[in-house]
Amino acid sequence: MNESLVNVRYMVDDVEEALAFYTTHLGFTVLSSAVPAFADVTRGNLRLLLSGPASSAGRPMPDGRRPGPGGWNRIHLVVPDLHAEVERLRAADVPFRNDIVTGPGGSQILLEDPAGNVIELFQPAGS
């Protein structure tokens, strides 16, 4: 295991669809794949574990709750030109939760993967 990687797990409804989304639209590369249960992809030092309902991470909790996608926690991807990325992704019909928001640290926008997990694209101020 590469200890320089940061590992994040996202629950997804369809591993194959999520794998295509992250590699096609966001520049991730496949590290391993056990479709339909699991796949992991990397981008820089980020290893994103894509776990479907058939994975061990998708098993019900003792109280019966099932892990699922969505929520507001998110991975944060720095991009050099936010407006160009948004234009490219909108042309590919990628869904966004909001429009670009600009603050003192930079500009950001939230988009969703096919399961509803959130990805933040961020362009630092002055770049």
N, C-alpha and C. Protein backbone atom coordinates (compact mmCIF):
# COMPACT_ATOMS: atom_id res chain seq x y z
N MET A 1 0.85 -1.19 0.00
CA MET A 1 0.00 0.00 0.00
C MET A 1 0.89 1.23 0.00
N ASN A 2 0.56 2.19 -0.83
CA ASN A 2 1.30 3.44 -0.92
C ASN A 2 0.85 4.36 0.21
N GLU A 3 1.72 4.59 1.20
CA GLU A 3 1.35 5.39 2.36
C GLU A 3 1.30 6.88 2.08
N SER A 4 1.71 7.32 0.89
CA SER A 4 1.62 8.75 0.56
C SER A 4 0.25 9.10 0.00
N LEU A 5 -0.61 8.10 -0.21
CA LEU A 5 -1.96 8.36 -0.71
C LEU A 5 -2.91 8.67 0.44
N VAL A 6 -3.83 9.58 0.19
CA VAL A 6 -4.94 9.84 1.09
C VAL A 6 -6.11 9.02 0.56
N ASN A 7 -6.74 8.23 1.43
CA ASN A 7 -7.82 7.33 1.01
C ASN A 7 -9.17 7.88 1.47
N VAL A 8 -10.11 7.96 0.54
CA VAL A 8 -11.47 8.39 0.82
C VAL A 8 -12.40 7.34 0.21
N ARG A 9 -13.42 6.93 0.98
CA ARG A 9 -14.40 5.97 0.45
C ARG A 9 -15.70 6.69 0.14
N TYR A 10 -16.22 6.45 -1.07
CA TYR A 10 -17.54 6.92 -1.45
C TYR A 10 -18.41 5.69 -1.70
N MET A 11 -19.59 5.69 -1.12
CA MET A 11 -20.58 4.68 -1.44
C MET A 11 -21.25 5.11 -2.74
N VAL A 12 -21.42 4.17 -3.66
CA VAL A 12 -22.04 4.46 -4.95
C VAL A 12 -23.10 3.42 -5.25
N ASP A 13 -24.07 3.78 -6.06
CA ASP A 13 -25.13 2.86 -6.45
C ASP A 13 -24.67 1.88 -7.53
N ASP A 14 -23.77 2.33 -8.40
CA ASP A 14 -23.34 1.55 -9.55
C ASP A 14 -21.84 1.79 -9.74
N VAL A 15 -21.02 0.81 -9.40
CA VAL A 15 -19.56 0.97 -9.44
C VAL A 15 -19.07 1.23 -10.86
N GLU A 16 -19.61 0.51 -11.83
CA GLU A 16 -19.17 0.70 -13.22
C GLU A 16 -19.47 2.12 -13.70
N GLU A 17 -20.63 2.64 -13.37
CA GLU A 17 -21.00 4.00 -13.76
C GLU A 17 -20.10 5.02 -13.06
N ALA A 18 -19.82 4.81 -11.77
CA ALA A 18 -18.94 5.72 -11.03
C ALA A 18 -17.53 5.69 -11.59
N LEU A 19 -17.04 4.52 -11.92
CA LEU A 19 -15.71 4.37 -12.50
C LEU A 19 -15.60 5.16 -13.80
N ALA A 20 -16.59 5.04 -14.65
CA ALA A 20 -16.59 5.79 -15.91
C ALA A 20 -16.65 7.29 -15.65
N PHE A 21 -17.45 7.71 -14.68
CA PHE A 21 -17.59 9.14 -14.37
C PHE A 21 -16.24 9.73 -13.93
N TYR A 22 -15.59 9.13 -12.95
CA TYR A 22 -14.36 9.69 -12.41
C TYR A 22 -13.20 9.65 -13.41
N THR A 23 -13.13 8.61 -14.23
CA THR A 23 -12.04 8.54 -15.21
C THR A 23 -12.31 9.41 -16.42
N THR A 24 -13.55 9.51 -16.85
CA THR A 24 -13.90 10.30 -18.04
C THR A 24 -13.90 11.80 -17.76
N HIS A 25 -14.52 12.20 -16.65
CA HIS A 25 -14.75 13.62 -16.42
C HIS A 25 -13.74 14.30 -15.50
N LEU A 26 -13.12 13.56 -14.60
CA LEU A 26 -12.29 14.22 -13.58
C LEU A 26 -10.83 13.77 -13.58
N GLY A 27 -10.40 13.03 -14.56
CA GLY A 27 -8.99 12.72 -14.73
C GLY A 27 -8.41 11.69 -13.77
N PHE A 28 -9.25 10.84 -13.17
CA PHE A 28 -8.75 9.78 -12.30
C PHE A 28 -8.28 8.60 -13.16
N THR A 29 -7.38 7.78 -12.62
CA THR A 29 -6.96 6.55 -13.28
C THR A 29 -7.32 5.37 -12.39
N VAL A 30 -7.61 4.25 -13.02
CA VAL A 30 -8.03 3.05 -12.30
C VAL A 30 -6.83 2.40 -11.63
N LEU A 31 -6.95 2.15 -10.33
CA LEU A 31 -5.93 1.42 -9.59
C LEU A 31 -6.29 -0.06 -9.58
N SER A 32 -7.55 -0.38 -9.25
CA SER A 32 -8.04 -1.76 -9.31
C SER A 32 -9.54 -1.73 -9.50
N SER A 33 -10.07 -2.88 -9.94
CA SER A 33 -11.50 -2.96 -10.17
C SER A 33 -12.00 -4.36 -9.87
N ALA A 34 -13.08 -4.43 -9.10
CA ALA A 34 -13.79 -5.68 -8.83
C ALA A 34 -15.28 -5.40 -9.05
N VAL A 35 -15.58 -4.84 -10.23
CA VAL A 35 -16.96 -4.50 -10.60
C VAL A 35 -17.78 -5.78 -10.55
N PRO A 36 -18.95 -5.79 -9.96
CA PRO A 36 -19.78 -4.66 -9.58
C PRO A 36 -19.64 -4.22 -8.12
N ALA A 37 -18.78 -4.86 -7.34
CA ALA A 37 -18.72 -4.55 -5.91
C ALA A 37 -17.87 -3.33 -5.58
N PHE A 38 -16.72 -3.18 -6.24
CA PHE A 38 -15.73 -2.22 -5.77
C PHE A 38 -14.79 -1.82 -6.90
N ALA A 39 -14.25 -0.61 -6.82
CA ALA A 39 -13.14 -0.16 -7.65
C ALA A 39 -12.44 0.95 -6.90
N ASP A 40 -11.17 1.16 -7.18
CA ASP A 40 -10.51 2.34 -6.64
C ASP A 40 -9.75 3.04 -7.74
N VAL A 41 -9.78 4.37 -7.65
CA VAL A 41 -9.18 5.23 -8.66
C VAL A 41 -8.27 6.23 -7.95
N THR A 42 -7.31 6.76 -8.68
CA THR A 42 -6.39 7.73 -8.09
C THR A 42 -6.30 8.98 -8.95
N ARG A 43 -6.01 10.07 -8.27
CA ARG A 43 -5.69 11.34 -8.92
C ARG A 43 -4.71 12.02 -7.98
N GLY A 44 -3.48 12.17 -8.43
CA GLY A 44 -2.45 12.71 -7.54
C GLY A 44 -2.30 11.80 -6.34
N ASN A 45 -2.36 12.39 -5.15
CA ASN A 45 -2.22 11.62 -3.91
C ASN A 45 -3.55 11.16 -3.34
N LEU A 46 -4.63 11.27 -4.11
CA LEU A 46 -5.95 10.85 -3.64
C LEU A 46 -6.30 9.49 -4.22
N ARG A 47 -6.61 8.57 -3.33
CA ARG A 47 -7.15 7.27 -3.72
C ARG A 47 -8.62 7.27 -3.32
N LEU A 48 -9.50 7.17 -4.29
CA LEU A 48 -10.93 7.18 -4.06
C LEU A 48 -11.46 5.76 -4.20
N LEU A 49 -12.00 5.24 -3.10
CA LEU A 49 -12.55 3.89 -3.08
C LEU A 49 -14.03 3.98 -3.41
N LEU A 50 -14.45 3.34 -4.47
CA LEU A 50 -15.83 3.38 -4.93
C LEU A 50 -16.49 2.05 -4.54
N SER A 51 -17.33 2.10 -3.52
CA SER A 51 -17.91 0.88 -2.95
C SER A 51 -19.40 0.80 -3.26
N GLY A 52 -19.79 -0.27 -3.93
CA GLY A 52 -21.18 -0.47 -4.28
C GLY A 52 -21.93 -1.26 -3.22
N PRO A 53 -23.23 -1.47 -3.43
CA PRO A 53 -24.05 -2.20 -2.47
C PRO A 53 -23.53 -3.62 -2.20
N ALA A 54 -22.85 -4.23 -3.18
CA ALA A 54 -22.35 -5.60 -3.01
C ALA A 54 -21.00 -5.67 -2.29
N SER A 55 -20.41 -4.52 -1.98
CA SER A 55 -19.11 -4.51 -1.29
C SER A 55 -19.28 -4.75 0.20
N SER A 56 -18.20 -5.09 0.87
CA SER A 56 -18.28 -5.26 2.32
C SER A 56 -18.64 -3.95 3.02
N ALA A 57 -18.23 -2.81 2.46
CA ALA A 57 -18.57 -1.51 3.04
C ALA A 57 -20.05 -1.19 2.91
N GLY A 58 -20.76 -1.91 2.04
CA GLY A 58 -22.18 -1.68 1.84
C GLY A 58 -23.09 -2.52 2.71
N ARG A 59 -22.49 -3.36 3.57
CA ARG A 59 -23.30 -4.23 4.43
C ARG A 59 -24.04 -3.42 5.48
N PRO A 60 -25.23 -3.89 5.88
CA PRO A 60 -26.01 -3.16 6.89
C PRO A 60 -25.29 -3.10 8.24
N MET A 61 -25.56 -2.03 8.96
CA MET A 61 -25.05 -1.87 10.32
C MET A 61 -25.89 -2.75 11.26
N PRO A 62 -25.40 -2.98 12.48
CA PRO A 62 -26.17 -3.81 13.42
C PRO A 62 -27.59 -3.31 13.65
N ASP A 63 -27.82 -2.00 13.53
CA ASP A 63 -29.17 -1.48 13.75
C ASP A 63 -30.03 -1.50 12.48
N GLY A 64 -29.49 -2.05 11.39
CA GLY A 64 -30.24 -2.18 10.14
C GLY A 64 -30.00 -1.09 9.12
N ARG A 65 -29.38 0.04 9.52
CA ARG A 65 -29.10 1.10 8.54
C ARG A 65 -28.11 0.59 7.51
N ARG A 66 -28.28 1.06 6.28
CA ARG A 66 -27.37 0.68 5.19
C ARG A 66 -26.56 1.91 4.77
N PRO A 67 -25.26 1.73 4.60
CA PRO A 67 -24.45 2.83 4.08
C PRO A 67 -24.94 3.22 2.68
N GLY A 68 -24.93 4.52 2.40
CA GLY A 68 -25.40 4.98 1.09
C GLY A 68 -24.68 6.23 0.65
N PRO A 69 -24.80 6.57 -0.61
CA PRO A 69 -24.15 7.76 -1.15
C PRO A 69 -24.85 9.05 -0.76
N GLY A 70 -24.19 10.16 -1.08
CA GLY A 70 -24.79 11.47 -0.90
C GLY A 70 -24.21 12.21 0.28
N GLY A 71 -24.95 13.16 0.80
CA GLY A 71 -24.48 13.96 1.91
C GLY A 71 -23.72 15.19 1.44
N TRP A 72 -23.01 15.83 2.37
CA TRP A 72 -22.30 17.06 2.05
C TRP A 72 -20.79 16.96 2.22
N ASN A 73 -20.29 15.90 2.86
CA ASN A 73 -18.84 15.72 2.89
C ASN A 73 -18.38 15.51 1.46
N ARG A 74 -17.16 15.95 1.15
CA ARG A 74 -16.76 15.90 -0.25
C ARG A 74 -15.26 15.91 -0.41
N ILE A 75 -14.83 15.41 -1.58
CA ILE A 75 -13.44 15.58 -1.96
C ILE A 75 -13.32 16.97 -2.59
N HIS A 76 -12.14 17.50 -2.53
CA HIS A 76 -11.86 18.88 -2.94
C HIS A 76 -10.75 18.81 -3.99
N LEU A 77 -11.07 19.14 -5.22
CA LEU A 77 -10.10 19.08 -6.31
C LEU A 77 -9.74 20.50 -6.75
N VAL A 78 -8.45 20.80 -6.70
CA VAL A 78 -7.96 22.11 -7.14
C VAL A 78 -7.80 22.08 -8.65
N VAL A 79 -8.33 23.10 -9.31
CA VAL A 79 -8.26 23.21 -10.77
C VAL A 79 -7.65 24.56 -11.14
N PRO A 80 -6.94 24.64 -12.27
CA PRO A 80 -6.31 25.90 -12.65
C PRO A 80 -7.28 26.93 -13.24
N ASP A 81 -8.38 26.47 -13.86
CA ASP A 81 -9.34 27.38 -14.50
C ASP A 81 -10.75 26.86 -14.23
N LEU A 82 -11.35 27.34 -13.16
CA LEU A 82 -12.66 26.85 -12.73
C LEU A 82 -13.72 27.06 -13.80
N HIS A 83 -13.75 28.23 -14.41
CA HIS A 83 -14.78 28.51 -15.41
C HIS A 83 -14.68 27.55 -16.60
N ALA A 84 -13.47 27.24 -17.03
CA ALA A 84 -13.29 26.31 -18.14
C ALA A 84 -13.74 24.90 -17.75
N GLU A 85 -13.43 24.48 -16.53
CA GLU A 85 -13.85 23.15 -16.05
C GLU A 85 -15.37 23.06 -15.97
N VAL A 86 -16.01 24.10 -15.45
CA VAL A 86 -17.47 24.10 -15.34
C VAL A 86 -18.10 24.04 -16.73
N GLU A 87 -17.58 24.81 -17.65
CA GLU A 87 -18.11 24.79 -19.02
C GLU A 87 -17.97 23.41 -19.64
N ARG A 88 -16.80 22.78 -19.46
CA ARG A 88 -16.55 21.44 -20.02
C ARG A 88 -17.49 20.41 -19.41
N LEU A 89 -17.67 20.45 -18.10
CA LEU A 89 -18.51 19.47 -17.42
C LEU A 89 -20.00 19.70 -17.69
N ARG A 90 -20.41 20.94 -17.79
CA ARG A 90 -21.82 21.21 -18.13
C ARG A 90 -22.13 20.71 -19.54
N ALA A 91 -21.17 20.85 -20.46
CA ALA A 91 -21.36 20.35 -21.82
C ALA A 91 -21.53 18.82 -21.83
N ALA A 92 -20.97 18.16 -20.81
CA ALA A 92 -21.10 16.71 -20.68
C ALA A 92 -22.30 16.32 -19.81
N ASP A 93 -23.15 17.29 -19.49
CA ASP A 93 -24.36 17.08 -18.68
C ASP A 93 -24.08 16.57 -17.27
N VAL A 94 -22.94 16.96 -16.70
CA VAL A 94 -22.64 16.63 -15.31
C VAL A 94 -23.49 17.54 -14.43
N PRO A 95 -24.19 16.99 -13.42
CA PRO A 95 -25.06 17.82 -12.58
C PRO A 95 -24.29 18.61 -11.52
N PHE A 96 -24.67 19.87 -11.35
CA PHE A 96 -24.09 20.74 -10.33
C PHE A 96 -25.13 21.04 -9.26
N ARG A 97 -24.68 21.23 -8.02
CA ARG A 97 -25.59 21.61 -6.94
C ARG A 97 -25.76 23.11 -6.83
N ASN A 98 -24.81 23.87 -7.35
CA ASN A 98 -24.88 25.32 -7.23
C ASN A 98 -24.14 25.96 -8.38
N ASP A 99 -24.03 27.28 -8.34
CA ASP A 99 -23.21 28.02 -9.29
C ASP A 99 -21.89 28.35 -8.60
N ILE A 100 -20.96 28.91 -9.34
CA ILE A 100 -19.66 29.27 -8.77
C ILE A 100 -19.85 30.30 -7.66
N VAL A 101 -19.19 30.05 -6.54
CA VAL A 101 -19.20 30.94 -5.38
C VAL A 101 -17.77 31.43 -5.20
N THR A 102 -17.59 32.74 -5.01
CA THR A 102 -16.26 33.31 -4.83
C THR A 102 -16.15 33.94 -3.45
N GLY A 103 -15.04 33.63 -2.78
CA GLY A 103 -14.76 34.19 -1.46
C GLY A 103 -13.33 34.64 -1.39
N PRO A 104 -12.85 34.98 -0.20
CA PRO A 104 -11.50 35.51 -0.07
C PRO A 104 -10.40 34.50 -0.45
N GLY A 105 -10.69 33.21 -0.31
CA GLY A 105 -9.67 32.20 -0.62
C GLY A 105 -9.69 31.72 -2.05
N GLY A 106 -10.76 32.01 -2.76
CA GLY A 106 -10.86 31.54 -4.13
C GLY A 106 -12.30 31.30 -4.54
N SER A 107 -12.48 30.51 -5.59
CA SER A 107 -13.81 30.22 -6.13
C SER A 107 -14.04 28.72 -6.12
N GLN A 108 -15.30 28.34 -5.93
CA GLN A 108 -15.64 26.92 -5.86
C GLN A 108 -17.02 26.67 -6.42
N ILE A 109 -17.25 25.41 -6.75
CA ILE A 109 -18.57 24.95 -7.20
C ILE A 109 -18.68 23.48 -6.79
N LEU A 110 -19.91 23.04 -6.56
CA LEU A 110 -20.17 21.66 -6.17
C LEU A 110 -20.86 20.92 -7.30
N LEU A 111 -20.35 19.73 -7.63
CA LEU A 111 -21.00 18.86 -8.61
C LEU A 111 -21.23 17.52 -7.97
N GLU A 112 -22.01 16.67 -8.64
CA GLU A 112 -22.36 15.37 -8.11
C GLU A 112 -21.93 14.26 -9.06
N ASP A 113 -21.47 13.14 -8.46
CA ASP A 113 -21.23 11.96 -9.26
C ASP A 113 -22.57 11.27 -9.51
N PRO A 114 -22.62 10.19 -10.29
CA PRO A 114 -23.90 9.57 -10.61
C PRO A 114 -24.70 9.08 -9.39
N ALA A 115 -24.04 8.84 -8.26
CA ALA A 115 -24.73 8.37 -7.06
C ALA A 115 -25.16 9.52 -6.15
N GLY A 116 -24.77 10.76 -6.47
CA GLY A 116 -25.12 11.91 -5.65
C GLY A 116 -24.04 12.33 -4.67
N ASN A 117 -22.85 11.71 -4.74
CA ASN A 117 -21.73 12.15 -3.90
C ASN A 117 -21.20 13.47 -4.42
N VAL A 118 -20.76 14.31 -3.50
CA VAL A 118 -20.37 15.67 -3.86
C VAL A 118 -18.87 15.75 -4.14
N ILE A 119 -18.52 16.52 -5.17
CA ILE A 119 -17.13 16.87 -5.49
C ILE A 119 -17.07 18.39 -5.55
N GLU A 120 -16.09 18.97 -4.87
CA GLU A 120 -15.88 20.41 -4.95
C GLU A 120 -14.72 20.70 -5.88
N LEU A 121 -14.95 21.54 -6.88
CA LEU A 121 -13.87 22.06 -7.71
C LEU A 121 -13.51 23.43 -7.15
N PHE A 122 -12.22 23.68 -6.99
CA PHE A 122 -11.78 24.89 -6.33
C PHE A 122 -10.63 25.50 -7.09
N GLN A 123 -10.70 26.82 -7.32
CA GLN A 123 -9.60 27.57 -7.90
C GLN A 123 -9.16 28.60 -6.87
N PRO A 124 -7.91 28.50 -6.37
CA PRO A 124 -7.43 29.45 -5.38
C PRO A 124 -7.41 30.88 -5.93
N ALA A 125 -7.62 31.83 -5.04
CA ALA A 125 -7.56 33.25 -5.42
C ALA A 125 -6.20 33.55 -6.00
N GLY A 126 -6.17 34.37 -7.02
CA GLY A 126 -4.91 34.80 -7.62
C GLY A 126 -4.27 33.80 -8.56
N SER A 127 -4.96 32.70 -8.84
CA SER A 127 -4.35 31.73 -9.77
C SER A 127 -5.04 31.78 -11.12
